[in-house]
Protein backbone atom coordinates (compact mmCIF):
# COMPACT_ATOMS: atom_id res chain seq x y z
CA MET A 1 -48.83 217.96 201.94
CA ASN A 2 -47.98 214.93 204.07
CA ALA A 3 -50.64 212.34 204.86
CA PRO A 4 -51.56 211.87 208.55
CA TYR A 5 -49.62 209.12 210.29
CA GLU A 6 -52.85 207.28 211.15
CA LEU A 7 -53.57 206.64 207.44
CA LEU A 8 -49.97 205.60 206.69
CA VAL A 9 -49.95 203.15 209.59
CA ALA A 10 -53.41 201.80 208.66
CA VAL A 11 -52.31 201.10 205.06
CA ARG A 12 -49.09 199.50 206.31
CA TYR A 13 -51.02 197.17 208.61
CA LEU A 14 -53.20 196.10 205.68
CA ARG A 15 -50.25 194.89 203.62
CA VAL A 16 -49.50 191.18 203.43
CA HIS A 17 -46.74 190.42 205.94
CA ARG A 18 -44.75 187.21 206.21
CA GLY A 19 -45.82 185.32 209.31
CA ARG A 20 -49.21 187.01 209.45
CA THR A 21 -50.91 185.16 206.61
CA PHE A 22 -54.03 184.43 208.70
CA LEU A 23 -54.80 188.12 209.22
CA SER A 24 -54.14 188.86 205.56
CA VAL A 25 -56.56 186.13 204.49
CA ILE A 26 -59.22 187.44 206.89
CA THR A 27 -58.73 190.94 205.48
CA MET A 28 -59.11 189.69 201.89
CA ILE A 29 -62.27 187.80 202.87
CA SER A 30 -63.68 191.03 204.35
CA VAL A 31 -62.90 192.93 201.14
CA GLY A 32 -64.43 190.11 199.09
CA GLY A 33 -67.59 190.10 201.23
CA VAL A 34 -68.15 193.82 200.70
CA ALA A 35 -67.41 193.47 196.98
CA VAL A 36 -69.87 190.58 196.52
CA GLY A 37 -72.59 192.37 198.50
CA THR A 38 -72.16 195.59 196.51
CA ALA A 39 -72.11 193.74 193.17
CA ALA A 40 -75.27 191.84 194.13
CA LEU A 41 -76.97 195.12 195.04
CA VAL A 42 -76.02 196.74 191.72
CA ILE A 43 -77.14 193.72 189.67
CA ALA A 44 -80.44 193.33 191.56
CA LEU A 45 -81.38 197.00 191.19
CA ALA A 46 -80.36 196.99 187.52
CA LEU A 47 -82.49 193.91 186.82
CA MET A 48 -85.50 195.41 188.60
CA THR A 49 -85.11 198.72 186.75
CA GLY A 50 -84.80 196.89 183.44
CA PHE A 51 -87.82 194.73 184.24
CA GLU A 52 -89.88 197.83 185.10
CA GLU A 53 -88.83 199.54 181.86
CA ASP A 54 -89.64 196.39 179.88
CA MET A 55 -93.11 196.22 181.43
CA ARG A 56 -93.64 199.90 180.68
CA GLN A 57 -92.79 199.27 177.01
CA ARG A 58 -95.07 196.21 176.91
CA ILE A 59 -97.95 198.27 178.31
CA LEU A 60 -97.35 201.04 175.79
CA ARG A 61 -97.06 198.52 172.93
CA GLY A 62 -100.44 197.60 171.52
CA SER A 63 -102.22 200.49 173.27
CA ALA A 64 -102.66 204.21 172.63
CA HIS A 65 -101.10 206.94 174.77
CA LEU A 66 -104.45 208.57 175.62
CA GLN A 67 -108.11 207.55 175.47
CA ILE A 68 -111.07 209.94 175.20
CA LEU A 69 -114.41 208.71 176.53
CA GLU A 70 -117.73 210.44 177.07
CA GLN A 71 -118.48 211.20 180.72
CA ALA A 72 -122.01 209.82 180.97
CA GLU A 73 -122.46 207.45 178.03
CA SER A 74 -120.71 204.28 176.88
CA GLY A 75 -119.98 205.90 173.52
CA PHE A 76 -120.93 208.72 171.18
CA ASP A 77 -122.62 208.90 167.76
CA ASP A 78 -120.77 211.97 166.44
CA ALA A 79 -117.42 210.20 166.19
CA ASP A 80 -116.27 212.04 163.04
CA SER A 81 -116.77 215.53 164.47
CA VAL A 82 -115.10 214.59 167.77
CA LEU A 83 -112.20 213.06 165.83
CA ALA A 84 -111.73 216.28 163.82
CA LYS A 85 -111.76 218.32 167.02
CA VAL A 86 -109.08 216.27 168.76
CA ARG A 87 -106.83 216.19 165.67
CA ALA A 88 -106.65 219.98 165.84
CA VAL A 89 -104.98 219.86 169.28
CA PRO A 90 -101.22 220.64 169.01
CA GLY A 91 -99.08 217.69 170.09
CA VAL A 92 -101.53 215.01 168.89
CA ALA A 93 -99.77 212.99 166.19
CA ALA A 94 -102.69 210.71 165.27
CA ALA A 95 -106.16 209.74 166.47
CA THR A 96 -108.64 207.01 165.63
CA PRO A 97 -112.15 205.92 166.72
CA VAL A 98 -112.72 202.52 168.32
CA LEU A 99 -116.00 200.67 168.65
CA PHE A 100 -115.71 198.16 171.50
CA SER A 101 -117.80 195.12 172.32
CA PRO A 102 -117.26 191.98 174.39
CA ALA A 103 -117.87 188.85 172.38
CA MET A 104 -117.68 185.10 172.30
CA ILE A 105 -115.55 183.68 169.49
CA MET A 106 -115.42 180.05 168.49
CA ASN A 107 -113.54 178.03 165.93
CA ASP A 108 -116.16 177.35 163.28
CA GLY A 109 -114.66 173.92 162.66
CA LEU A 110 -113.92 172.73 166.19
CA GLY A 111 -116.48 174.75 168.13
CA SER A 112 -114.01 175.79 170.86
CA PRO A 113 -115.33 179.06 172.37
CA ALA A 114 -113.23 181.84 173.89
CA TYR A 115 -113.96 185.26 175.36
CA ALA A 116 -112.63 188.21 173.36
CA GLU A 117 -112.63 191.98 173.43
CA ILE A 118 -113.62 193.14 169.96
CA TYR A 119 -112.12 196.38 168.70
CA GLY A 120 -113.76 197.82 165.59
CA VAL A 121 -111.00 199.96 164.07
CA ASP A 122 -109.94 201.77 160.94
CA PRO A 123 -106.91 199.69 159.84
CA GLU A 124 -104.99 202.69 158.45
CA LEU A 125 -105.55 204.98 161.45
CA GLN A 126 -105.06 202.25 164.07
CA GLY A 127 -101.59 201.46 162.71
CA GLN A 128 -100.66 205.14 163.10
CA VAL A 129 -101.88 205.32 166.70
CA VAL A 130 -100.84 201.95 168.14
CA ASP A 131 -97.35 200.50 168.17
CA PHE A 132 -97.54 196.81 167.25
CA GLY A 133 -93.79 196.31 167.58
CA ALA A 134 -90.59 197.39 165.88
CA GLY A 135 -91.16 197.88 162.15
CA ALA A 136 -94.68 196.40 162.24
CA GLY A 137 -96.55 199.58 161.21
CA ASN A 138 -99.96 198.77 159.77
CA ALA A 139 -98.92 195.25 158.75
CA PRO A 140 -100.90 193.31 161.42
CA LEU A 141 -104.18 194.93 160.33
CA GLU A 142 -103.65 194.87 156.54
CA GLY A 143 -106.01 191.91 156.21
CA LEU A 144 -108.96 193.96 157.49
CA LYS A 145 -109.02 196.19 154.41
CA LYS A 146 -110.57 193.57 152.13
CA LEU A 147 -112.62 190.39 152.21
CA GLY A 148 -110.80 187.10 152.69
CA GLU A 149 -110.56 184.27 150.17
CA SER A 150 -113.83 182.89 151.58
CA GLY A 151 -115.60 186.18 150.85
CA ARG A 152 -115.94 186.84 154.59
CA PRO A 153 -114.78 189.96 156.48
CA GLY A 154 -111.43 189.58 158.20
CA ILE A 155 -110.54 189.42 161.89
CA VAL A 156 -107.09 189.80 163.46
CA LEU A 157 -106.58 187.88 166.71
CA GLY A 158 -104.09 188.25 169.54
CA ALA A 159 -101.41 185.53 169.38
CA ASP A 160 -102.45 183.79 172.63
CA LEU A 161 -106.14 183.99 171.73
CA ALA A 162 -105.48 182.40 168.33
CA ALA A 163 -103.40 179.64 169.93
CA ARG A 164 -106.12 178.92 172.50
CA MET A 165 -108.71 178.61 169.74
CA ALA A 166 -106.34 176.57 167.50
CA VAL A 167 -106.87 178.80 164.45
CA ARG A 168 -104.52 180.12 161.80
CA PRO A 169 -104.86 182.74 159.04
CA GLY A 170 -107.46 181.51 156.57
CA ASP A 171 -109.60 179.64 159.15
CA LEU A 172 -113.18 180.68 159.84
CA VAL A 173 -114.45 181.78 163.26
CA ARG A 174 -117.93 182.65 164.46
CA MET A 175 -118.37 185.72 166.65
CA LEU A 176 -121.39 186.32 168.92
CA VAL A 177 -121.97 189.78 170.43
CA PRO A 178 -124.37 190.87 173.21
CA LYS A 179 -126.76 192.45 170.71
CA VAL A 180 -129.96 190.64 169.82
CA ARG A 181 -131.76 190.34 166.51
CA LEU A 182 -135.54 190.07 166.62
CA THR A 183 -137.01 187.05 164.82
CA PRO A 184 -140.58 185.68 164.57
CA PHE A 185 -139.63 182.98 167.06
CA ALA A 186 -137.47 184.73 169.67
CA PRO A 187 -134.67 187.27 170.02
CA ILE A 188 -131.33 185.69 169.10
CA PRO A 189 -127.81 187.03 169.59
CA ARG A 190 -126.23 188.68 166.58
CA SER A 191 -123.44 186.59 165.09
CA LEU A 192 -121.07 186.81 162.18
CA VAL A 193 -118.67 184.37 160.51
CA LEU A 194 -115.25 185.93 159.84
CA GLU A 195 -112.02 184.76 158.28
CA VAL A 196 -108.84 184.99 160.34
CA ALA A 197 -106.80 187.57 158.44
CA GLY A 198 -103.79 187.61 160.74
CA VAL A 199 -102.33 187.24 164.20
CA VAL A 200 -100.76 190.08 166.18
CA LYS A 201 -98.22 189.58 168.97
CA THR A 202 -97.36 192.53 171.24
CA ASP A 203 -95.95 190.61 174.26
CA ALA A 204 -98.55 192.33 176.45
CA TYR A 205 -101.01 189.95 178.14
CA PRO A 206 -104.39 191.72 177.62
CA GLN A 207 -103.70 192.39 173.95
CA ASP A 208 -102.39 188.93 173.09
CA ALA A 209 -104.83 186.92 175.20
CA GLN A 210 -108.16 188.70 174.70
CA ARG A 211 -108.09 191.29 171.95
CA ALA A 212 -109.42 190.87 168.42
CA TYR A 213 -109.64 193.50 165.68
CA ILE A 214 -112.28 193.84 162.96
CA ALA A 215 -112.93 196.66 160.50
CA LEU A 216 -114.88 199.59 161.95
CA ASP A 217 -117.62 199.47 159.30
CA VAL A 218 -118.11 195.73 159.94
CA ALA A 219 -118.42 196.34 163.68
CA ARG A 220 -120.92 199.14 163.16
CA ARG A 221 -123.12 196.97 160.94
CA LEU A 222 -122.94 194.05 163.36
CA LEU A 223 -123.79 196.20 166.39
CA ASP A 224 -126.28 198.39 164.47
CA ALA A 225 -124.34 201.50 165.48
CA PRO A 226 -123.75 203.74 162.42
CA GLY A 227 -121.32 206.60 163.07
CA ARG A 228 -120.76 205.45 166.64
CA ALA A 229 -117.52 205.01 168.60
CA SER A 230 -116.92 203.78 172.13
CA TRP A 231 -113.84 206.01 172.53
CA LEU A 232 -111.04 207.72 170.65
CA GLU A 233 -107.43 206.61 170.90
CA LEU A 234 -104.60 209.14 170.58
CA ARG A 235 -100.90 208.94 169.85
CA LEU A 236 -98.78 211.88 171.00
CA THR A 237 -95.88 213.49 169.19
CA ASP A 238 -93.77 213.20 172.38
CA PRO A 239 -94.82 210.39 174.77
CA ARG A 240 -92.63 211.92 177.49
CA GLU A 241 -95.17 214.76 177.72
CA LEU A 242 -97.95 212.33 178.61
CA GLY A 243 -99.07 214.11 181.79
CA ALA A 244 -98.98 217.61 180.30
CA MET A 245 -100.72 216.56 177.09
CA LYS A 246 -103.46 214.86 179.06
CA LEU A 247 -104.35 218.24 180.61
CA VAL A 248 -104.13 220.02 177.24
CA VAL A 249 -106.43 217.51 175.52
CA SER A 250 -108.83 217.50 178.47
CA ARG A 251 -109.18 221.30 178.33
CA ALA A 252 -109.64 221.23 174.54
CA MET A 253 -112.39 218.56 174.66
CA GLY A 254 -114.39 220.17 177.47
CA LYS A 255 -116.40 218.69 180.31
CA ARG A 256 -118.32 216.29 178.09
CA PHE A 257 -115.31 213.99 177.80
CA VAL A 258 -112.83 212.37 180.15
CA VAL A 259 -109.23 211.71 179.11
CA LEU A 260 -107.47 208.59 180.39
CA ASP A 261 -103.71 208.23 180.64
CA LEU A 262 -102.38 204.76 179.80
CA LEU A 263 -99.68 204.77 182.50
CA GLU A 264 -102.12 206.14 185.07
CA GLN A 265 -104.49 203.28 184.30
CA ASN A 266 -101.65 200.90 185.20
CA LYS A 267 -100.25 202.89 188.12
CA GLU A 268 -100.93 200.03 190.57
CA ILE A 269 -98.54 197.82 188.58
CA PHE A 270 -95.78 200.44 188.70
CA LYS A 271 -96.43 201.06 192.38
CA ALA A 272 -95.97 197.34 192.99
CA PHE A 273 -92.68 197.46 191.05
CA GLU A 274 -91.40 200.33 193.22
CA THR A 275 -92.36 198.48 196.41
CA GLU A 276 -90.70 195.29 195.18
CA LYS A 277 -87.56 197.23 194.27
CA LEU A 278 -87.44 198.76 197.78
CA PHE A 279 -87.82 195.38 199.50
CA LEU A 280 -85.21 193.86 197.21
CA PHE A 281 -82.82 196.69 198.02
CA ILE A 282 -83.31 196.13 201.76
CA ALA A 283 -82.83 192.36 201.43
CA ILE A 284 -79.66 192.62 199.35
CA ALA A 285 -78.33 195.43 201.58
CA LEU A 286 -78.31 192.93 204.45
CA ILE A 287 -75.47 191.14 202.62
CA VAL A 288 -73.44 194.35 202.85
CA VAL A 289 -74.28 194.59 206.57
CA VAL A 290 -73.00 191.05 207.13
CA ALA A 291 -69.82 191.95 205.23
CA SER A 292 -69.43 195.00 207.47
CA LEU A 293 -69.60 192.76 210.54
CA ASN A 294 -66.74 190.78 209.01
CA ILE A 295 -64.74 194.01 208.92
CA VAL A 296 -65.39 194.52 212.65
CA SER A 297 -64.20 191.01 213.47
CA THR A 298 -61.09 191.60 211.33
CA LEU A 299 -60.31 194.80 213.23
CA VAL A 300 -60.72 193.03 216.59
CA LEU A 301 -58.18 190.40 215.53
CA MET A 302 -55.90 193.14 214.21
CA VAL A 303 -55.96 194.99 217.55
CA ASN A 304 -55.06 191.79 219.43
CA ASP A 305 -52.19 191.14 216.99
CA LYS A 306 -50.80 194.69 217.20
CA VAL A 307 -50.57 195.07 220.99
CA LYS A 308 -46.79 195.62 220.87
CA GLU A 309 -47.06 198.15 218.05
CA ILE A 310 -49.79 200.00 219.96
CA GLY A 311 -47.48 200.21 222.98
CA THR A 312 -44.66 201.54 220.80
CA LEU A 313 -46.92 204.21 219.29
CA THR A 314 -48.10 205.21 222.76
CA ALA A 315 -44.49 205.53 223.96
CA MET A 316 -43.76 207.76 220.94
CA GLY A 317 -46.54 210.15 222.02
CA ALA A 318 -49.54 208.88 220.04
CA ARG A 319 -52.86 209.66 221.66
CA PRO A 320 -55.53 206.99 222.26
CA LEU A 321 -57.83 208.75 219.78
CA GLY A 322 -55.12 208.63 217.10
CA ILE A 323 -54.48 204.92 217.72
CA ALA A 324 -58.20 204.24 217.49
CA GLY A 325 -58.20 206.26 214.25
CA VAL A 326 -55.61 203.88 212.77
CA PHE A 327 -57.96 200.92 213.06
CA MET A 328 -61.02 202.95 212.04
CA LEU A 329 -59.19 203.99 208.89
CA GLN A 330 -58.36 200.33 208.26
CA GLY A 331 -62.05 199.51 208.28
CA ILE A 332 -62.81 202.47 205.98
CA VAL A 333 -60.10 201.42 203.52
CA ILE A 334 -61.40 197.83 203.49
CA GLY A 335 -64.93 199.12 202.88
CA LEU A 336 -63.90 201.54 200.12
CA VAL A 337 -61.76 198.96 198.33
CA GLY A 338 -64.50 196.32 198.57
CA THR A 339 -67.18 198.79 197.42
CA SER A 340 -65.06 199.93 194.46
CA ILE A 341 -64.41 196.35 193.37
CA GLY A 342 -68.11 195.50 193.83
CA LEU A 343 -69.27 198.52 191.79
CA ALA A 344 -66.84 197.67 189.00
CA LEU A 345 -67.79 193.97 189.06
CA GLY A 346 -71.53 194.64 189.24
CA SER A 347 -71.45 197.30 186.50
CA GLY A 348 -69.39 195.02 184.27
CA LEU A 349 -71.77 192.09 184.73
CA VAL A 350 -74.81 194.31 184.12
CA TYR A 351 -73.22 195.70 180.94
CA TRP A 352 -72.49 192.15 179.77
CA LEU A 353 -76.03 190.99 180.55
CA ASP A 354 -77.51 193.97 178.69
CA THR A 355 -75.15 193.86 175.69
CA TYR A 356 -75.52 190.15 175.00
CA ARG A 357 -79.17 189.87 176.18
CA VAL A 358 -78.31 187.05 178.59
């Protein structure tokens, strides 16, 4: 099957001809403009997608997939029975109780205070539910299982929190919680001196900057809350079934409890990412529009240069629509070639950036 004459003539006009170097250079610039715009679009969208995925992993790291809280109260006293009930739900890989309290922590030597979110946890169960990073397992919380060298209970701090307080493993910190102890003189806040047993780094801001872990039994004694938990944290067998498992767990636990989805709690962040990606796409796409205008200017110059050839084609019986098609096909060929080069260039650069972690 023979190709239409319009396409053959269009490709012939695009070749480099002696004596018409200027037009050839303009054509190459048009192709280069489309290629650069397309490559920029591919790289920008790839970077935004990678950034969104990285943030998703950071949010998941250091936190459980699902949380179970009581509807009306700030916690529940029958933590063991609730824990046994949720473990029986198919698809739940692990579950653990957490006793939460805000607190003020200070370096017992320097007296530098810092706000912290105290999580009273079972070290074994927490390591099964929460991902502390590749290969970390239970390691960050191992120090909570026994008393430190000073004979004090251990505390594991987020990396940024420990740096802000200027403490290292083995140092002593004093923790004050919003729970008073009655004395003959006046009510005073409950406090406890703990030994820093370790530092955990998850690369997620709330966990590294504010969170501190202590053993669950220590937290219950300090807060005078035997058998109590603020919520349960769950890890799923398949995190991709987060939405479906949320409904399954919610039905199994009944109306007394509410189930929170980790990604849903951070949906505003992901919505902002999608909006930013859209605006970035529109901004970078303007580069392609500018390159397209270069194609139009190239075609205008080409028409002025090919006046004699147009007359010859007309004399040979070519219709005005066919002659117009020749130059339209030129623009399409320039666009396709530029887009193909841009896709190849952009994909290659993205692969290089991803492979070598540039």
